[in-house]
């Protein structure tokens, strides 16, 4: 591993056998849809007056979050993004998202 940015706070060692160890972040296991309680809300605050629909409460890996985000964007026909367990979709799609998530087996609350 020769990525110097991950070793910025390390002091130089003269030991030729020194091997710098990093801690790897573990991805949480993705819960089954029935066990997840997603919250769907509409937000305007801090978005220059634009309305977005936010899905919060996803527990799982970033890859599974991206897959769910992509599927929701495709079914709603809109843009969006996902990060840290939150999916943001452009526009006011609350009712449509609740229906889609319930069909997929998620417990969605308004």
PDB file of N, CA and C in Angstrom:
ATOM      1  N   UNK A   1       0.858  -1.174   0.000  1.00  0.00           N
ATOM      2  CA  UNK A   1       0.000   0.000   0.000  1.00  0.00           C
ATOM      3  C   UNK A   1       0.901   1.233   0.000  1.00  0.00           C
ATOM      4  N   UNK A   2       0.761   2.053  -0.988  1.00  0.00           N
ATOM      5  CA  UNK A   2       1.639   3.202  -1.119  1.00  0.00           C
ATOM      6  C   UNK A   2       0.843   4.496  -1.212  1.00  0.00           C
ATOM      7  N   UNK A   3      -0.286   4.548  -0.543  1.00  0.00           N
ATOM      8  CA  UNK A   3      -1.116   5.750  -0.568  1.00  0.00           C
ATOM      9  C   UNK A   3      -0.691   6.665   0.573  1.00  0.00           C
ATOM     10  N   UNK A   4       0.033   7.705   0.252  1.00  0.00           N
ATOM     11  CA  UNK A   4       0.608   8.592   1.269  1.00  0.00           C
ATOM     12  C   UNK A   4      -0.441   9.427   1.992  1.00  0.00           C
ATOM     13  N   UNK A   5      -1.597   9.654   1.393  1.00  0.00           N
ATOM     14  CA  UNK A   5      -2.624  10.483   2.029  1.00  0.00           C
ATOM     15  C   UNK A   5      -3.203   9.821   3.270  1.00  0.00           C
ATOM     16  N   UNK A   6      -3.209   8.504   3.308  1.00  0.00           N
ATOM     17  CA  UNK A   6      -3.736   7.792   4.466  1.00  0.00           C
ATOM     18  C   UNK A   6      -2.722   7.734   5.601  1.00  0.00           C
ATOM     19  N   UNK A   7      -1.475   8.142   5.318  1.00  0.00           N
ATOM     20  CA  UNK A   7      -0.413   8.074   6.321  1.00  0.00           C
ATOM     21  C   UNK A   7       0.090   9.461   6.702  1.00  0.00           C
ATOM     22  N   UNK A   8      -0.713  10.491   6.599  1.00  0.00           N
ATOM     23  CA  UNK A   8      -0.254  11.854   6.847  1.00  0.00           C
ATOM     24  C   UNK A   8       0.211  12.094   8.278  1.00  0.00           C
ATOM     25  N   UNK A   9      -0.363  11.457   9.264  1.00  0.00           N
ATOM     26  CA  UNK A   9       0.004  11.703  10.649  1.00  0.00           C
ATOM     27  C   UNK A   9       1.066  10.754  11.184  1.00  0.00           C
ATOM     28  N   UNK A  10       1.698   9.966  10.307  1.00  0.00           N
ATOM     29  CA  UNK A  10       2.657   8.967  10.751  1.00  0.00           C
ATOM     30  C   UNK A  10       4.063   9.555  10.738  1.00  0.00           C
ATOM     31  N   UNK A  11       4.806   9.284  11.790  1.00  0.00           N
ATOM     32  CA  UNK A  11       6.191   9.721  11.887  1.00  0.00           C
ATOM     33  C   UNK A  11       7.067   8.719  11.147  1.00  0.00           C
ATOM     34  N   UNK A  12       8.132   9.189  10.527  1.00  0.00           N
ATOM     35  CA  UNK A  12       9.042   8.354   9.754  1.00  0.00           C
ATOM     36  C   UNK A  12       9.716   7.307  10.633  1.00  0.00           C
ATOM     37  N   UNK A  13       9.859   6.087  10.129  1.00  0.00           N
ATOM     38  CA  UNK A  13      10.518   5.020  10.866  1.00  0.00           C
ATOM     39  C   UNK A  13      11.757   4.562  10.101  1.00  0.00           C
ATOM     40  N   UNK A  14      12.865   4.339  10.817  1.00  0.00           N
ATOM     41  CA  UNK A  14      14.099   3.862  10.187  1.00  0.00           C
ATOM     42  C   UNK A  14      14.168   2.345  10.155  1.00  0.00           C
ATOM     43  N   UNK A  15      13.203   1.677  10.747  1.00  0.00           N
ATOM     44  CA  UNK A  15      13.159   0.220  10.745  1.00  0.00           C
ATOM     45  C   UNK A  15      12.800  -0.261   9.344  1.00  0.00           C
ATOM     46  N   UNK A  16      13.667  -1.057   8.682  1.00  0.00           N
ATOM     47  CA  UNK A  16      13.364  -1.513   7.315  1.00  0.00           C
ATOM     48  C   UNK A  16      12.205  -2.511   7.270  1.00  0.00           C
ATOM     49  N   UNK A  17      11.881  -3.151   8.392  1.00  0.00           N
ATOM     50  CA  UNK A  17      10.798  -4.125   8.427  1.00  0.00           C
ATOM     51  C   UNK A  17       9.469  -3.529   8.872  1.00  0.00           C
ATOM     52  N   UNK A  18       9.419  -2.214   9.064  1.00  0.00           N
ATOM     53  CA  UNK A  18       8.206  -1.549   9.534  1.00  0.00           C
ATOM     54  C   UNK A  18       7.130  -1.618   8.460  1.00  0.00           C
ATOM     55  N   UNK A  19       5.938  -2.011   8.878  1.00  0.00           N
ATOM     56  CA  UNK A  19       4.806  -2.088   7.957  1.00  0.00           C
ATOM     57  C   UNK A  19       3.649  -1.338   8.601  1.00  0.00           C
ATOM     58  N   UNK A  20       3.222  -0.251   8.002  1.00  0.00           N
ATOM     59  CA  UNK A  20       2.148   0.585   8.540  1.00  0.00           C
ATOM     60  C   UNK A  20       0.814  -0.121   8.361  1.00  0.00           C
ATOM     61  N   UNK A  21       0.050  -0.251   9.451  1.00  0.00           N
ATOM     62  CA  UNK A  21      -1.251  -0.913   9.429  1.00  0.00           C
ATOM     63  C   UNK A  21      -2.357   0.133   9.485  1.00  0.00           C
ATOM     64  N   UNK A  22      -3.360  -0.019   8.649  1.00  0.00           N
ATOM     65  CA  UNK A  22      -4.507   0.880   8.679  1.00  0.00           C
ATOM     66  C   UNK A  22      -5.740   0.097   9.116  1.00  0.00           C
ATOM     67  N   UNK A  23      -6.667   0.816   9.711  1.00  0.00           N
ATOM     68  CA  UNK A  23      -7.926   0.206  10.114  1.00  0.00           C
ATOM     69  C   UNK A  23      -8.915   0.341   8.966  1.00  0.00           C
ATOM     70  N   UNK A  24      -9.486  -0.762   8.567  1.00  0.00           N
ATOM     71  CA  UNK A  24     -10.459  -0.765   7.480  1.00  0.00           C
ATOM     72  C   UNK A  24     -11.854  -0.585   8.066  1.00  0.00           C
ATOM     73  N   UNK A  25     -12.647   0.251   7.416  1.00  0.00           N
ATOM     74  CA  UNK A  25     -14.030   0.438   7.857  1.00  0.00           C
ATOM     75  C   UNK A  25     -14.858  -0.752   7.415  1.00  0.00           C
ATOM     76  N   UNK A  26     -15.630  -1.285   8.340  1.00  0.00           N
ATOM     77  CA  UNK A  26     -16.472  -2.419   8.003  1.00  0.00           C
ATOM     78  C   UNK A  26     -17.836  -1.933   7.538  1.00  0.00           C
ATOM     79  N   UNK A  27     -18.308  -2.533   6.444  1.00  0.00           N
ATOM     80  CA  UNK A  27     -19.624  -2.203   5.928  1.00  0.00           C
ATOM     81  C   UNK A  27     -20.668  -2.923   6.770  1.00  0.00           C
ATOM     82  N   UNK A  28     -21.722  -2.223   7.192  1.00  0.00           N
ATOM     83  CA  UNK A  28     -22.774  -2.909   7.947  1.00  0.00           C
ATOM     84  C   UNK A  28     -23.548  -3.856   7.031  1.00  0.00           C
ATOM     85  N   UNK A  29     -24.021  -4.953   7.603  1.00  0.00           N
ATOM     86  CA  UNK A  29     -24.828  -5.884   6.823  1.00  0.00           C
ATOM     87  C   UNK A  29     -26.163  -5.232   6.500  1.00  0.00           C
ATOM     88  N   UNK A  30     -26.642  -5.485   5.301  1.00  0.00           N
ATOM     89  CA  UNK A  30     -27.921  -4.920   4.877  1.00  0.00           C
ATOM     90  C   UNK A  30     -29.050  -5.738   5.491  1.00  0.00           C
ATOM     91  N   UNK A  31     -29.924  -5.044   6.201  1.00  0.00           N
ATOM     92  CA  UNK A  31     -31.075  -5.707   6.804  1.00  0.00           C
ATOM     93  C   UNK A  31     -32.101  -6.055   5.741  1.00  0.00           C
ATOM     94  N   UNK A  32     -32.930  -7.027   6.030  1.00  0.00           N
ATOM     95  CA  UNK A  32     -34.018  -7.391   5.130  1.00  0.00           C
ATOM     96  C   UNK A  32     -35.004  -6.225   5.038  1.00  0.00           C
ATOM     97  N   UNK A  33     -35.681  -6.075   3.893  1.00  0.00           N
ATOM     98  CA  UNK A  33     -36.622  -4.956   3.737  1.00  0.00           C
ATOM     99  C   UNK A  33     -37.697  -4.894   4.818  1.00  0.00           C
ATOM    100  N   UNK A  34     -38.148  -6.061   5.312  1.00  0.00           N
ATOM    101  CA  UNK A  34     -39.200  -6.061   6.326  1.00  0.00           C
ATOM    102  C   UNK A  34     -38.713  -5.488   7.651  1.00  0.00           C
ATOM    103  N   UNK A  35     -37.407  -5.571   7.910  1.00  0.00           N
ATOM    104  CA  UNK A  35     -36.851  -5.121   9.182  1.00  0.00           C
ATOM    105  C   UNK A  35     -36.415  -3.659   9.156  1.00  0.00           C
ATOM    106  N   UNK A  36     -36.430  -3.048   7.985  1.00  0.00           N
ATOM    107  CA  UNK A  36     -36.013  -1.651   7.879  1.00  0.00           C
ATOM    108  C   UNK A  36     -37.229  -0.742   7.921  1.00  0.00           C
ATOM    109  N   UNK A  37     -37.091   0.328   8.648  1.00  0.00           N
ATOM    110  CA  UNK A  37     -38.171   1.304   8.733  1.00  0.00           C
ATOM    111  C   UNK A  37     -37.676   2.592   8.086  1.00  0.00           C
ATOM    112  N   UNK A  38     -38.067   2.806   6.852  1.00  0.00           N
ATOM    113  CA  UNK A  38     -37.643   3.984   6.112  1.00  0.00           C
ATOM    114  C   UNK A  38     -38.636   5.113   6.329  1.00  0.00           C
ATOM    115  N   UNK A  39     -38.123   6.325   6.417  1.00  0.00           N
ATOM    116  CA  UNK A  39     -38.968   7.515   6.574  1.00  0.00           C
ATOM    117  C   UNK A  39     -38.865   8.337   5.299  1.00  0.00           C
ATOM    118  N   UNK A  40     -40.002   8.688   4.757  1.00  0.00           N
ATOM    119  CA  UNK A  40     -40.071   9.483   3.529  1.00  0.00           C
ATOM    120  C   UNK A  40     -40.586  10.867   3.895  1.00  0.00           C
ATOM    121  N   UNK A  41     -39.838  11.891   3.505  1.00  0.00           N
ATOM    122  CA  UNK A  41     -40.226  13.258   3.840  1.00  0.00           C
ATOM    123  C   UNK A  41     -39.910  14.189   2.680  1.00  0.00           C
ATOM    124  N   UNK A  42     -40.579  15.332   2.670  1.00  0.00           N
ATOM    125  CA  UNK A  42     -40.334  16.373   1.663  1.00  0.00           C
ATOM    126  C   UNK A  42     -39.599  17.518   2.343  1.00  0.00           C
ATOM    127  N   UNK A  43     -38.526  17.983   1.709  1.00  0.00           N
ATOM    128  CA  UNK A  43     -37.733  19.076   2.281  1.00  0.00           C
ATOM    129  C   UNK A  43     -37.531  20.181   1.244  1.00  0.00           C
ATOM    130  N   UNK A  44     -37.465  21.408   1.746  1.00  0.00           N
ATOM    131  CA  UNK A  44     -37.156  22.579   0.929  1.00  0.00           C
ATOM    132  C   UNK A  44     -36.002  23.368   1.535  1.00  0.00           C
ATOM    133  N   UNK A  45     -35.827  23.205   2.828  1.00  0.00           N
ATOM    134  CA  UNK A  45     -34.891  24.018   3.578  1.00  0.00           C
ATOM    135  C   UNK A  45     -33.447  23.813   3.108  1.00  0.00           C
ATOM    136  N   UNK A  46     -32.751  24.908   2.851  1.00  0.00           N
ATOM    137  CA  UNK A  46     -31.354  24.855   2.462  1.00  0.00           C
ATOM    138  C   UNK A  46     -31.119  24.395   1.046  1.00  0.00           C
ATOM    139  N   UNK A  47     -32.140  24.412   0.209  1.00  0.00           N
ATOM    140  CA  UNK A  47     -32.012  23.942  -1.172  1.00  0.00           C
ATOM    141  C   UNK A  47     -32.471  24.985  -2.178  1.00  0.00           C
ATOM    142  N   UNK A  48     -32.346  26.237  -1.813  1.00  0.00           N
ATOM    143  CA  UNK A  48     -32.686  27.360  -2.685  1.00  0.00           C
ATOM    144  C   UNK A  48     -34.127  27.283  -3.184  1.00  0.00           C
ATOM    145  N   UNK A  49     -35.037  26.837  -2.325  1.00  0.00           N
ATOM    146  CA  UNK A  49     -36.444  26.790  -2.683  1.00  0.00           C
ATOM    147  C   UNK A  49     -36.856  25.580  -3.496  1.00  0.00           C
ATOM    148  N   UNK A  50     -35.907  24.724  -3.866  1.00  0.00           N
ATOM    149  CA  UNK A  50     -36.218  23.523  -4.639  1.00  0.00           C
ATOM    150  C   UNK A  50     -36.782  22.463  -3.699  1.00  0.00           C
ATOM    151  N   UNK A  51     -37.757  21.717  -4.168  1.00  0.00           N
ATOM    152  CA  UNK A  51     -38.377  20.671  -3.373  1.00  0.00           C
ATOM    153  C   UNK A  51     -37.705  19.338  -3.682  1.00  0.00           C
ATOM    154  N   UNK A  52     -37.328  18.613  -2.640  1.00  0.00           N
ATOM    155  CA  UNK A  52     -36.762  17.282  -2.801  1.00  0.00           C
ATOM    156  C   UNK A  52     -37.486  16.327  -1.861  1.00  0.00           C
ATOM    157  N   UNK A  53     -37.467  15.049  -2.217  1.00  0.00           N
ATOM    158  CA  UNK A  53     -38.030  14.010  -1.375  1.00  0.00           C
ATOM    159  C   UNK A  53     -36.867  13.226  -0.787  1.00  0.00           C
ATOM    160  N   UNK A  54     -36.879  13.049   0.530  1.00  0.00           N
ATOM    161  CA  UNK A  54     -35.771  12.411   1.236  1.00  0.00           C
ATOM    162  C   UNK A  54     -36.252  11.099   1.850  1.00  0.00           C
ATOM    163  N   UNK A  55     -35.478  10.036   1.623  1.00  0.00           N
ATOM    164  CA  UNK A  55     -35.743   8.735   2.228  1.00  0.00           C
ATOM    165  C   UNK A  55     -34.621   8.482   3.221  1.00  0.00           C
ATOM    166  N   UNK A  56     -34.974   8.419   4.515  1.00  0.00           N
ATOM    167  CA  UNK A  56     -33.970   8.234   5.573  1.00  0.00           C
ATOM    168  C   UNK A  56     -34.172   6.897   6.268  1.00  0.00           C
ATOM    169  N   UNK A  57     -33.108   6.432   6.922  1.00  0.00           N
ATOM    170  CA  UNK A  57     -33.219   5.244   7.758  1.00  0.00           C
ATOM    171  C   UNK A  57     -32.745   3.962   7.126  1.00  0.00           C
ATOM    172  N   UNK A  58     -32.080   4.005   5.967  1.00  0.00           N
ATOM    173  CA  UNK A  58     -31.592   2.786   5.338  1.00  0.00           C
ATOM    174  C   UNK A  58     -30.391   2.261   6.109  1.00  0.00           C
ATOM    175  N   UNK A  59     -30.406   0.978   6.435  1.00  0.00           N
ATOM    176  CA  UNK A  59     -29.292   0.339   7.133  1.00  0.00           C
ATOM    177  C   UNK A  59     -28.713  -0.727   6.222  1.00  0.00           C
ATOM    178  N   UNK A  60     -27.464  -0.507   5.818  1.00  0.00           N
ATOM    179  CA  UNK A  60     -26.824  -1.487   4.941  1.00  0.00           C
ATOM    180  C   UNK A  60     -25.606  -0.916   4.262  1.00  0.00           C
ATOM    181  N   UNK A  61     -25.085  -1.653   3.301  1.00  0.00           N
ATOM    182  CA  UNK A  61     -23.867  -1.252   2.608  1.00  0.00           C
ATOM    183  C   UNK A  61     -24.165  -0.128   1.615  1.00  0.00           C
ATOM    184  N   UNK A  62     -23.120   0.602   1.267  1.00  0.00           N
ATOM    185  CA  UNK A  62     -23.254   1.702   0.305  1.00  0.00           C
ATOM    186  C   UNK A  62     -23.688   1.176  -1.063  1.00  0.00           C
ATOM    187  N   UNK A  63     -23.237  -0.022  -1.416  1.00  0.00           N
ATOM    188  CA  UNK A  63     -23.593  -0.604  -2.711  1.00  0.00           C
ATOM    189  C   UNK A  63     -25.094  -0.878  -2.787  1.00  0.00           C
ATOM    190  N   UNK A  64     -25.659  -1.439  -1.718  1.00  0.00           N
ATOM    191  CA  UNK A  64     -27.098  -1.704  -1.678  1.00  0.00           C
ATOM    192  C   UNK A  64     -27.897  -0.404  -1.677  1.00  0.00           C
ATOM    193  N   UNK A  65     -27.364   0.623  -1.007  1.00  0.00           N
ATOM    194  CA  UNK A  65     -28.012   1.930  -1.001  1.00  0.00           C
ATOM    195  C   UNK A  65     -28.038   2.511  -2.411  1.00  0.00           C
ATOM    196  N   UNK A  66     -26.912   2.407  -3.131  1.00  0.00           N
ATOM    197  CA  UNK A  66     -26.836   2.913  -4.506  1.00  0.00           C
ATOM    198  C   UNK A  66     -27.804   2.153  -5.418  1.00  0.00           C
ATOM    199  N   UNK A  67     -27.919   0.831  -5.219  1.00  0.00           N
ATOM    200  CA  UNK A  67     -28.846   0.041  -6.042  1.00  0.00           C
ATOM    201  C   UNK A  67     -30.295   0.463  -5.801  1.00  0.00           C
ATOM    202  N   UNK A  68     -30.658   0.679  -4.528  1.00  0.00           N
ATOM    203  CA  UNK A  68     -32.015   1.127  -4.201  1.00  0.00           C
ATOM    204  C   UNK A  68     -32.260   2.521  -4.776  1.00  0.00           C
ATOM    205  N   UNK A  69     -31.271   3.403  -4.653  1.00  0.00           N
ATOM    206  CA  UNK A  69     -31.401   4.755  -5.192  1.00  0.00           C
ATOM    207  C   UNK A  69     -31.622   4.718  -6.703  1.00  0.00           C
ATOM    208  N   UNK A  70     -30.839   3.915  -7.405  1.00  0.00           N
ATOM    209  CA  UNK A  70     -30.950   3.827  -8.864  1.00  0.00           C
ATOM    210  C   UNK A  70     -32.326   3.310  -9.285  1.00  0.00           C
ATOM    211  N   UNK A  71     -32.817   2.295  -8.566  1.00  0.00           N
ATOM    212  CA  UNK A  71     -34.124   1.738  -8.888  1.00  0.00           C
ATOM    213  C   UNK A  71     -35.234   2.760  -8.636  1.00  0.00           C
ATOM    214  N   UNK A  72     -35.146   3.505  -7.523  1.00  0.00           N
ATOM    215  CA  UNK A  72     -36.160   4.521  -7.218  1.00  0.00           C
ATOM    216  C   UNK A  72     -36.125   5.655  -8.248  1.00  0.00           C
ATOM    217  N   UNK A  73     -34.926   6.082  -8.647  1.00  0.00           N
ATOM    218  CA  UNK A  73     -34.815   7.137  -9.644  1.00  0.00           C
ATOM    219  C   UNK A  73     -35.410   6.692 -10.972  1.00  0.00           C
ATOM    220  N   UNK A  74     -35.198   5.436 -11.335  1.00  0.00           N
ATOM    221  CA  UNK A  74     -35.728   4.909 -12.592  1.00  0.00           C
ATOM    222  C   UNK A  74     -37.252   4.852 -12.554  1.00  0.00           C
ATOM    223  N   UNK A  75     -37.810   4.345 -11.449  1.00  0.00           N
ATOM    224  CA  UNK A  75     -39.274   4.227 -11.343  1.00  0.00           C
ATOM    225  C   UNK A  75     -39.965   5.581 -11.258  1.00  0.00           C
ATOM    226  N   UNK A  76     -39.279   6.579 -10.658  1.00  0.00           N
ATOM    227  CA  UNK A  76     -39.885   7.909 -10.526  1.00  0.00           C
ATOM    228  C   UNK A  76     -39.558   8.798 -11.725  1.00  0.00           C
ATOM    229  N   UNK A  77     -38.570   8.438 -12.504  1.00  0.00           N
ATOM    230  CA  UNK A  77     -38.204   9.245 -13.665  1.00  0.00           C
ATOM    231  C   UNK A  77     -37.603  10.585 -13.277  1.00  0.00           C
ATOM    232  N   UNK A  78     -36.743  10.584 -12.268  1.00  0.00           N
ATOM    233  CA  UNK A  78     -36.165  11.829 -11.786  1.00  0.00           C
ATOM    234  C   UNK A  78     -34.714  11.610 -11.386  1.00  0.00           C
ATOM    235  N   UNK A  79     -34.025  12.673 -11.074  1.00  0.00           N
ATOM    236  CA  UNK A  79     -32.635  12.596 -10.632  1.00  0.00           C
ATOM    237  C   UNK A  79     -32.550  12.531  -9.133  1.00  0.00           C
ATOM    238  N   UNK A  80     -31.349  12.267  -8.648  1.00  0.00           N
ATOM    239  CA  UNK A  80     -31.160  12.215  -7.219  1.00  0.00           C
ATOM    240  C   UNK A  80     -29.788  11.707  -6.853  1.00  0.00           C
ATOM    241  N   UNK A  81     -29.588  11.505  -5.556  1.00  0.00           N
ATOM    242  CA  UNK A  81     -28.308  11.002  -5.071  1.00  0.00           C
ATOM    243  C   UNK A  81     -28.527  10.266  -3.757  1.00  0.00           C
ATOM    244  N   UNK A  82     -27.465   9.583  -3.291  1.00  0.00           N
ATOM    245  CA  UNK A  82     -27.545   8.885  -2.011  1.00  0.00           C
ATOM    246  C   UNK A  82     -26.203   8.973  -1.309  1.00  0.00           C
ATOM    247  N   UNK A  83     -26.271   9.038   0.038  1.00  0.00           N
ATOM    248  CA  UNK A  83     -25.059   9.144   0.832  1.00  0.00           C
ATOM    249  C   UNK A  83     -25.424   8.947   2.300  1.00  0.00           C
ATOM    250  N   UNK A  84     -24.622   8.185   3.024  1.00  0.00           N
ATOM    251  CA  UNK A  84     -24.787   7.992   4.467  1.00  0.00           C
ATOM    252  C   UNK A  84     -26.188   7.513   4.867  1.00  0.00           C
ATOM    253  N   UNK A  85     -26.766   6.584   4.117  1.00  0.00           N
ATOM    254  CA  UNK A  85     -28.066   6.037   4.468  1.00  0.00           C
ATOM    255  C   UNK A  85     -29.246   6.912   4.118  1.00  0.00           C
ATOM    256  N   UNK A  86     -29.020   7.979   3.319  1.00  0.00           N
ATOM    257  CA  UNK A  86     -30.082   8.906   2.931  1.00  0.00           C
ATOM    258  C   UNK A  86     -30.154   8.962   1.406  1.00  0.00           C
ATOM    259  N   UNK A  87     -31.362   8.831   0.871  1.00  0.00           N
ATOM    260  CA  UNK A  87     -31.584   8.953  -0.571  1.00  0.00           C
ATOM    261  C   UNK A  87     -32.348  10.245  -0.813  1.00  0.00           C
ATOM    262  N   UNK A  88     -31.846  11.071  -1.724  1.00  0.00           N
ATOM    263  CA  UNK A  88     -32.483  12.349  -2.053  1.00  0.00           C
ATOM    264  C   UNK A  88     -32.924  12.286  -3.509  1.00  0.00           C
ATOM    265  N   UNK A  89     -34.217  12.497  -3.750  1.00  0.00           N
ATOM    266  CA  UNK A  89     -34.764  12.525  -5.105  1.00  0.00           C
ATOM    267  C   UNK A  89     -35.339  13.905  -5.395  1.00  0.00           C
ATOM    268  N   UNK A  90     -35.139  14.379  -6.603  1.00  0.00           N
ATOM    269  CA  UNK A  90     -35.629  15.685  -6.989  1.00  0.00           C
ATOM    270  C   UNK A  90     -37.140  15.646  -7.168  1.00  0.00           C
ATOM    271  N   UNK A  91     -37.806  16.678  -6.699  1.00  0.00           N
ATOM    272  CA  UNK A  91     -39.245  16.803  -6.872  1.00  0.00           C
ATOM    273  C   UNK A  91     -40.024  16.264  -5.687  1.00  0.00           C
ATOM    274  N   UNK A  92     -41.338  16.431  -5.770  1.00  0.00           N
ATOM    275  CA  UNK A  92     -42.238  16.001  -4.704  1.00  0.00           C
ATOM    276  C   UNK A  92     -42.828  14.644  -5.076  1.00  0.00           C
ATOM    277  N   UNK A  93     -42.209  13.588  -4.587  1.00  0.00           N
ATOM    278  CA  UNK A  93     -42.564  12.218  -4.968  1.00  0.00           C
ATOM    279  C   UNK A  93     -42.986  11.368  -3.771  1.00  0.00           C
ATOM    280  N   UNK A  94     -43.410  11.970  -2.702  1.00  0.00           N
ATOM    281  CA  UNK A  94     -43.651  11.264  -1.446  1.00  0.00           C
ATOM    282  C   UNK A  94     -44.622  10.097  -1.591  1.00  0.00           C
ATOM    283  N   UNK A  95     -45.805  10.340  -2.128  1.00  0.00           N
ATOM    284  CA  UNK A  95     -46.816   9.291  -2.231  1.00  0.00           C
ATOM    285  C   UNK A  95     -46.357   8.157  -3.147  1.00  0.00           C
ATOM    286  N   UNK A  96     -45.726   8.516  -4.259  1.00  0.00           N
ATOM    287  CA  UNK A  96     -45.242   7.523  -5.204  1.00  0.00           C
ATOM    288  C   UNK A  96     -44.148   6.661  -4.571  1.00  0.00           C
ATOM    289  N   UNK A  97     -43.246   7.284  -3.826  1.00  0.00           N
ATOM    290  CA  UNK A  97     -42.164   6.548  -3.176  1.00  0.00           C
ATOM    291  C   UNK A  97     -42.685   5.612  -2.096  1.00  0.00           C
ATOM    292  N   UNK A  98     -43.646   6.065  -1.316  1.00  0.00           N
ATOM    293  CA  UNK A  98     -44.211   5.213  -0.263  1.00  0.00           C
ATOM    294  C   UNK A  98     -44.833   3.969  -0.891  1.00  0.00           C
ATOM    295  N   UNK A  99     -45.537   4.132  -1.993  1.00  0.00           N
ATOM    296  CA  UNK A  99     -46.157   2.998  -2.685  1.00  0.00           C
ATOM    297  C   UNK A  99     -45.100   2.041  -3.215  1.00  0.00           C
ATOM    298  N   UNK A 100     -44.059   2.569  -3.855  1.00  0.00           N
ATOM    299  CA  UNK A 100     -42.989   1.735  -4.412  1.00  0.00           C
ATOM    300  C   UNK A 100     -42.260   0.983  -3.306  1.00  0.00           C
ATOM    301  N   UNK A 101     -41.933   1.670  -2.218  1.00  0.00           N
ATOM    302  CA  UNK A 101     -41.203   1.030  -1.123  1.00  0.00           C
ATOM    303  C   UNK A 101     -42.032  -0.056  -0.446  1.00  0.00           C
ATOM    304  N   UNK A 102     -43.332   0.164  -0.297  1.00  0.00           N
ATOM    305  CA  UNK A 102     -44.200  -0.866   0.305  1.00  0.00           C
ATOM    306  C   UNK A 102     -44.302  -2.085  -0.608  1.00  0.00           C
ATOM    307  N   UNK A 103     -44.339  -1.854  -1.934  1.00  0.00           N
ATOM    308  CA  UNK A 103     -44.374  -2.974  -2.877  1.00  0.00           C
ATOM    309  C   UNK A 103     -43.087  -3.802  -2.809  1.00  0.00           C
ATOM    310  N   UNK A 104     -41.964  -3.142  -2.479  1.00  0.00           N
ATOM    311  CA  UNK A 104     -40.692  -3.845  -2.354  1.00  0.00           C
ATOM    312  C   UNK A 104     -40.529  -4.542  -1.012  1.00  0.00           C
ATOM    313  N   UNK A 105     -41.454  -4.300  -0.087  1.00  0.00           N
ATOM    314  CA  UNK A 105     -41.405  -4.973   1.203  1.00  0.00           C
ATOM    315  C   UNK A 105     -40.866  -4.108   2.331  1.00  0.00           C
ATOM    316  N   UNK A 106     -40.519  -2.858   2.059  1.00  0.00           N
ATOM    317  CA  UNK A 106     -40.015  -1.957   3.096  1.00  0.00           C
ATOM    318  C   UNK A 106     -41.178  -1.409   3.908  1.00  0.00           C
ATOM    319  N   UNK A 107     -40.910  -1.126   5.167  1.00  0.00           N
ATOM    320  CA  UNK A 107     -41.886  -0.462   6.009  1.00  0.00           C
ATOM    321  C   UNK A 107     -41.641   1.018   5.864  1.00  0.00           C
ATOM    322  N   UNK A 108     -42.492   1.691   5.126  1.00  0.00           N
ATOM    323  CA  UNK A 108     -42.309   3.117   4.871  1.00  0.00           C
ATOM    324  C   UNK A 108     -43.341   3.898   5.646  1.00  0.00           C
ATOM    325  N   UNK A 109     -42.904   4.928   6.345  1.00  0.00           N
ATOM    326  CA  UNK A 109     -43.833   5.785   7.071  1.00  0.00           C
ATOM    327  C   UNK A 109     -43.758   7.176   6.503  1.00  0.00           C
ATOM    328  N   UNK A 110     -44.879   7.895   6.562  1.00  0.00           N
ATOM    329  CA  UNK A 110     -44.918   9.244   6.036  1.00  0.00           C
ATOM    330  C   UNK A 110     -44.362  10.216   7.019  1.00  0.00           C
TER     331      UNK A 110
END
